[in-house]
Amino acid sequence: MKKLILSAAILLGGLSMQAGNVAVTSSMVQSVNVSQDEYKEVDAVPAAIKTALDNAYPGVKLDKAYVNEKKEYKIEITVRGEKSTVYTDASGNIIKK
């Protein structure tokens, strides 16, 4: 009888050890406020931006331009048949995003 109780205790102890090793993973979703990064299309860009783009990309063609609340410009350009997007500030300094 003692062997039966001892065997049951060892068996239950072994099962509880495996149950304690269950890994729980969780994912957290972070909400980001993008309202200040929303760009609105504009018809014209400052001359400083045009000059900076002409110097940086010879033969550049401005397709579309957008501006956000922080006066950062998102400009879609075409250079030698290749389309690209460039971000600048109002002074024409290119911003990496």
C-alpha atoms as a PDB file:
ATOM      1  CA  MET A   1       0.000   0.000   0.000  1.00  0.00           C
ATOM      2  CA  LYS A   2       2.855   2.356   0.827  1.00  0.00           C
ATOM      3  CA  LYS A   3       4.388   1.730  -2.606  1.00  0.00           C
ATOM      4  CA  LEU A   4       1.077   2.549  -4.285  1.00  0.00           C
ATOM      5  CA  ILE A   5       0.734   5.864  -2.419  1.00  0.00           C
ATOM      6  CA  LEU A   6       4.398   6.709  -3.038  1.00  0.00           C
ATOM      7  CA  SER A   7       4.038   5.912  -6.770  1.00  0.00           C
ATOM      8  CA  ALA A   8       0.907   8.076  -7.004  1.00  0.00           C
ATOM      9  CA  ALA A   9       2.666  10.972  -5.235  1.00  0.00           C
ATOM     10  CA  ILE A  10       5.681  10.754  -7.561  1.00  0.00           C
ATOM     11  CA  LEU A  11       3.450  10.546 -10.630  1.00  0.00           C
ATOM     12  CA  LEU A  12       1.326  13.543  -9.565  1.00  0.00           C
ATOM     13  CA  GLY A  13       4.441  15.480  -8.584  1.00  0.00           C
ATOM     14  CA  GLY A  14       5.954  14.845 -11.993  1.00  0.00           C
ATOM     15  CA  LEU A  15       2.785  15.997 -13.772  1.00  0.00           C
ATOM     16  CA  SER A  16       2.584  19.177 -11.725  1.00  0.00           C
ATOM     17  CA  MET A  17       6.197  19.994 -12.606  1.00  0.00           C
ATOM     18  CA  GLN A  18       5.408  19.823 -16.331  1.00  0.00           C
ATOM     19  CA  ALA A  19       2.266  21.907 -15.893  1.00  0.00           C
ATOM     20  CA  GLY A  20       4.325  24.619 -14.204  1.00  0.00           C
ATOM     21  CA  ASN A  21       6.568  25.027 -17.262  1.00  0.00           C
ATOM     22  CA  VAL A  22       3.877  26.327 -19.591  1.00  0.00           C
ATOM     23  CA  ALA A  23       5.056  29.470 -21.327  1.00  0.00           C
ATOM     24  CA  VAL A  24       2.521  32.216 -21.798  1.00  0.00           C
ATOM     25  CA  THR A  25       3.078  34.655 -24.590  1.00  0.00           C
ATOM     26  CA  SER A  26       1.154  37.810 -25.125  1.00  0.00           C
ATOM     27  CA  SER A  27       1.279  40.470 -27.760  1.00  0.00           C
ATOM     28  CA  MET A  28       0.756  44.108 -27.055  1.00  0.00           C
ATOM     29  CA  VAL A  29      -0.604  46.499 -29.623  1.00  0.00           C
ATOM     30  CA  GLN A  30       0.561  50.061 -29.312  1.00  0.00           C
ATOM     31  CA  SER A  31      -1.609  52.827 -30.640  1.00  0.00           C
ATOM     32  CA  VAL A  32       0.253  55.705 -32.235  1.00  0.00           C
ATOM     33  CA  ASN A  33      -1.251  59.096 -32.887  1.00  0.00           C
ATOM     34  CA  VAL A  34      -0.386  59.949 -36.474  1.00  0.00           C
ATOM     35  CA  SER A  35      -2.435  63.101 -36.763  1.00  0.00           C
ATOM     36  CA  GLN A  36       0.646  65.311 -36.927  1.00  0.00           C
ATOM     37  CA  ASP A  37       2.154  63.180 -39.693  1.00  0.00           C
ATOM     38  CA  GLU A  38      -0.889  63.457 -41.946  1.00  0.00           C
ATOM     39  CA  TYR A  39       0.050  65.135 -45.181  1.00  0.00           C
ATOM     40  CA  LYS A  40      -2.256  67.295 -47.282  1.00  0.00           C
ATOM     41  CA  GLU A  41      -1.641  67.848 -50.981  1.00  0.00           C
ATOM     42  CA  VAL A  42      -0.427  71.291 -52.034  1.00  0.00           C
ATOM     43  CA  ASP A  43      -0.126  72.875 -55.471  1.00  0.00           C
ATOM     44  CA  ALA A  44       3.203  74.648 -54.983  1.00  0.00           C
ATOM     45  CA  VAL A  45       6.326  74.232 -52.857  1.00  0.00           C
ATOM     46  CA  PRO A  46       8.715  76.941 -51.625  1.00  0.00           C
ATOM     47  CA  ALA A  47      11.505  77.965 -54.001  1.00  0.00           C
ATOM     48  CA  ALA A  48      14.112  76.709 -51.494  1.00  0.00           C
ATOM     49  CA  ILE A  49      12.760  73.170 -51.872  1.00  0.00           C
ATOM     50  CA  LYS A  50      12.831  73.351 -55.676  1.00  0.00           C
ATOM     51  CA  THR A  51      16.420  74.603 -55.610  1.00  0.00           C
ATOM     52  CA  ALA A  52      17.518  71.915 -53.133  1.00  0.00           C
ATOM     53  CA  LEU A  53      15.908  69.147 -55.203  1.00  0.00           C
ATOM     54  CA  ASP A  54      17.459  70.470 -58.433  1.00  0.00           C
ATOM     55  CA  ASN A  55      20.883  70.445 -56.766  1.00  0.00           C
ATOM     56  CA  ALA A  56      20.456  66.995 -55.195  1.00  0.00           C
ATOM     57  CA  TYR A  57      18.757  65.316 -58.180  1.00  0.00           C
ATOM     58  CA  PRO A  58      19.705  66.831 -61.554  1.00  0.00           C
ATOM     59  CA  GLY A  59      16.814  66.514 -64.012  1.00  0.00           C
ATOM     60  CA  VAL A  60      14.218  66.052 -61.260  1.00  0.00           C
ATOM     61  CA  LYS A  61      10.501  66.380 -62.038  1.00  0.00           C
ATOM     62  CA  LEU A  62       8.105  67.148 -59.164  1.00  0.00           C
ATOM     63  CA  ASP A  63       4.977  65.011 -59.519  1.00  0.00           C
ATOM     64  CA  LYS A  64       3.051  65.743 -56.299  1.00  0.00           C
ATOM     65  CA  ALA A  65       3.733  67.600 -53.075  1.00  0.00           C
ATOM     66  CA  TYR A  66       2.203  67.240 -49.629  1.00  0.00           C
ATOM     67  CA  VAL A  67       2.710  69.173 -46.377  1.00  0.00           C
ATOM     68  CA  ASN A  68       1.930  68.345 -42.735  1.00  0.00           C
ATOM     69  CA  GLU A  69       1.317  70.513 -39.661  1.00  0.00           C
ATOM     70  CA  LYS A  70       5.057  70.647 -38.850  1.00  0.00           C
ATOM     71  CA  LYS A  71       5.729  72.168 -42.304  1.00  0.00           C
ATOM     72  CA  GLU A  72       7.482  69.029 -43.499  1.00  0.00           C
ATOM     73  CA  TYR A  73       7.017  68.255 -47.165  1.00  0.00           C
ATOM     74  CA  LYS A  74       6.520  64.839 -48.746  1.00  0.00           C
ATOM     75  CA  ILE A  75       7.411  65.189 -52.410  1.00  0.00           C
ATOM     76  CA  GLU A  76       6.892  62.557 -55.078  1.00  0.00           C
ATOM     77  CA  ILE A  77       9.510  62.988 -57.777  1.00  0.00           C
ATOM     78  CA  THR A  78      10.673  61.354 -60.983  1.00  0.00           C
ATOM     79  CA  VAL A  79      14.377  61.248 -61.841  1.00  0.00           C
ATOM     80  CA  ARG A  80      15.414  59.647 -65.145  1.00  0.00           C
ATOM     81  CA  GLY A  81      12.147  57.681 -65.299  1.00  0.00           C
ATOM     82  CA  GLU A  82      12.435  56.400 -61.723  1.00  0.00           C
ATOM     83  CA  LYS A  83       9.761  57.457 -59.225  1.00  0.00           C
ATOM     84  CA  SER A  84      10.734  58.214 -55.638  1.00  0.00           C
ATOM     85  CA  THR A  85       9.500  60.013 -52.527  1.00  0.00           C
ATOM     86  CA  VAL A  86      11.574  62.643 -50.740  1.00  0.00           C
ATOM     87  CA  TYR A  87      10.859  64.342 -47.417  1.00  0.00           C
ATOM     88  CA  THR A  88      12.089  67.896 -46.804  1.00  0.00           C
ATOM     89  CA  ASP A  89      11.532  70.759 -44.405  1.00  0.00           C
ATOM     90  CA  ALA A  90      10.418  74.218 -45.554  1.00  0.00           C
ATOM     91  CA  SER A  91      14.061  75.308 -46.032  1.00  0.00           C
ATOM     92  CA  GLY A  92      14.788  72.475 -48.481  1.00  0.00           C
ATOM     93  CA  ASN A  93      16.787  70.281 -46.090  1.00  0.00           C
ATOM     94  CA  ILE A  94      16.192  66.626 -46.927  1.00  0.00           C
ATOM     95  CA  ILE A  95      14.775  64.600 -44.016  1.00  0.00           C
ATOM     96  CA  LYS A  96      15.268  60.841 -43.704  1.00  0.00           C
ATOM     97  CA  LYS A  97      12.106  58.934 -42.779  1.00  0.00           C
END
